[in-house]
Amino acid sequence: MSGEGALRQIKNGKVYSLIITDLSMPVLDGYQTATKIRNFYTAHNLPQPLIIACTGHTEHEYIEKAWRHKINEVLAKPMNVQVAKEILKDFIITL
């Protein structure tokens, strides 16, 4: 699904607790998508989801930019399953 598609789903009433996105998507990239999702959830007093970016861009500047856009975690492609398990385990414990 694209960033626009994700926002459309959310604006149509879908509430997610976990969102996994790519950073490099056409039209609405992962950074913009995360910011718009955060803003929508805040405006509607919804609990903020965990947003994870899965990307090939693992250089420091991309990770810092992701954090500035309030993306919780950045995972490298190809994804290390053990790292993903640890992140999701920690997330599930907090639910």
Protein backbone atom coordinates (compact mmCIF):
# COMPACT_ATOMS: atom_id res chain seq x y z
CA MET A 1 0.00 0.00 0.00
CA SER A 2 1.21 3.53 -0.70
CA GLY A 3 1.50 6.35 1.80
CA GLU A 4 -1.63 7.90 0.32
CA GLY A 5 -3.46 4.59 0.65
CA ALA A 6 -2.46 4.26 4.29
CA LEU A 7 -3.71 7.76 5.06
CA ARG A 8 -6.94 7.08 3.22
CA GLN A 9 -7.50 3.95 5.34
CA ILE A 10 -6.83 5.87 8.55
CA LYS A 11 -9.10 8.77 7.58
CA ASN A 12 -11.82 6.23 6.76
CA GLY A 13 -11.78 4.98 10.33
CA LYS A 14 -9.09 2.29 10.43
CA VAL A 15 -7.04 2.57 13.62
CA TYR A 16 -3.69 0.81 13.72
CA SER A 17 -1.35 0.15 16.61
CA LEU A 18 1.56 -0.88 14.35
CA ILE A 19 2.52 0.60 10.99
CA ILE A 20 5.46 -0.63 8.91
CA THR A 21 6.50 1.66 6.08
CA ASP A 22 9.26 2.14 3.57
CA LEU A 23 11.05 5.48 3.59
CA SER A 24 11.34 5.81 -0.20
CA MET A 25 7.86 5.72 -1.66
CA PRO A 26 6.71 7.80 -4.62
CA VAL A 27 4.44 10.82 -4.08
CA LEU A 28 4.20 10.56 -0.25
CA ASP A 29 7.37 9.08 1.25
CA GLY A 30 7.60 7.29 4.59
CA TYR A 31 8.72 10.43 6.41
CA GLN A 32 5.73 12.45 5.21
CA THR A 33 3.38 9.53 5.78
CA ALA A 34 4.55 9.13 9.40
CA THR A 35 4.16 12.85 10.09
CA LYS A 36 0.64 12.93 8.64
CA ILE A 37 -0.34 9.82 10.58
CA ARG A 38 1.01 11.29 13.84
CA ASN A 39 -0.84 14.56 13.20
CA PHE A 40 -4.12 12.76 12.43
CA TYR A 41 -3.91 10.54 15.52
CA THR A 42 -3.10 13.55 17.70
CA ALA A 43 -5.96 15.63 16.26
CA HIS A 44 -8.40 12.80 16.97
CA ASN A 45 -7.04 11.88 20.43
CA LEU A 46 -6.10 8.38 19.29
CA PRO A 47 -3.28 6.39 20.89
CA GLN A 48 -0.17 6.77 18.74
CA PRO A 49 0.89 3.67 16.78
CA LEU A 50 4.36 2.21 16.69
CA ILE A 51 5.78 3.25 13.30
CA ILE A 52 8.65 1.18 11.94
CA ALA A 53 10.50 2.01 8.73
CA CYS A 54 12.01 -0.87 6.80
CA THR A 55 14.49 0.57 4.32
CA GLY A 56 17.71 0.15 2.42
CA HIS A 57 18.73 3.65 3.56
CA THR A 58 20.53 2.95 6.81
CA GLU A 59 23.01 5.80 6.70
CA HIS A 60 22.95 7.97 9.82
CA GLU A 61 21.28 10.97 8.14
CA TYR A 62 18.31 8.82 7.03
CA ILE A 63 17.87 7.38 10.51
CA GLU A 64 18.04 10.82 12.15
CA LYS A 65 15.53 12.17 9.63
CA ALA A 66 13.22 9.25 10.46
CA TRP A 67 13.43 10.09 14.16
CA ARG A 68 12.68 13.75 13.42
CA HIS A 69 9.51 12.55 11.69
CA LYS A 70 8.66 10.52 14.81
CA ILE A 71 9.33 7.10 13.30
CA ASN A 72 10.04 4.83 16.26
CA GLU A 73 12.43 2.33 14.69
CA VAL A 74 14.36 1.91 11.44
CA LEU A 75 15.12 -1.60 10.24
CA ALA A 76 17.51 -2.35 7.40
CA LYS A 77 16.51 -4.30 4.31
CA PRO A 78 16.99 -7.16 4.18
CA MET A 79 15.44 -7.29 7.63
CA ASN A 80 17.08 -9.25 10.41
CA VAL A 81 14.21 -11.35 11.77
CA GLN A 82 15.71 -11.55 15.26
CA VAL A 83 15.90 -7.74 15.52
CA ALA A 84 12.31 -7.43 14.29
CA LYS A 85 11.20 -10.04 16.86
CA GLU A 86 12.83 -8.09 19.69
CA ILE A 87 11.22 -4.82 18.64
CA LEU A 88 7.80 -6.42 18.28
CA LYS A 89 8.19 -8.34 21.54
CA ASP A 90 8.91 -5.09 23.38
CA PHE A 91 5.94 -3.45 21.65
CA ILE A 92 3.54 -6.28 22.50
CA ILE A 93 4.59 -6.18 26.16
CA THR A 94 3.61 -2.48 26.33
CA LEU A 95 0.11 -3.11 24.95
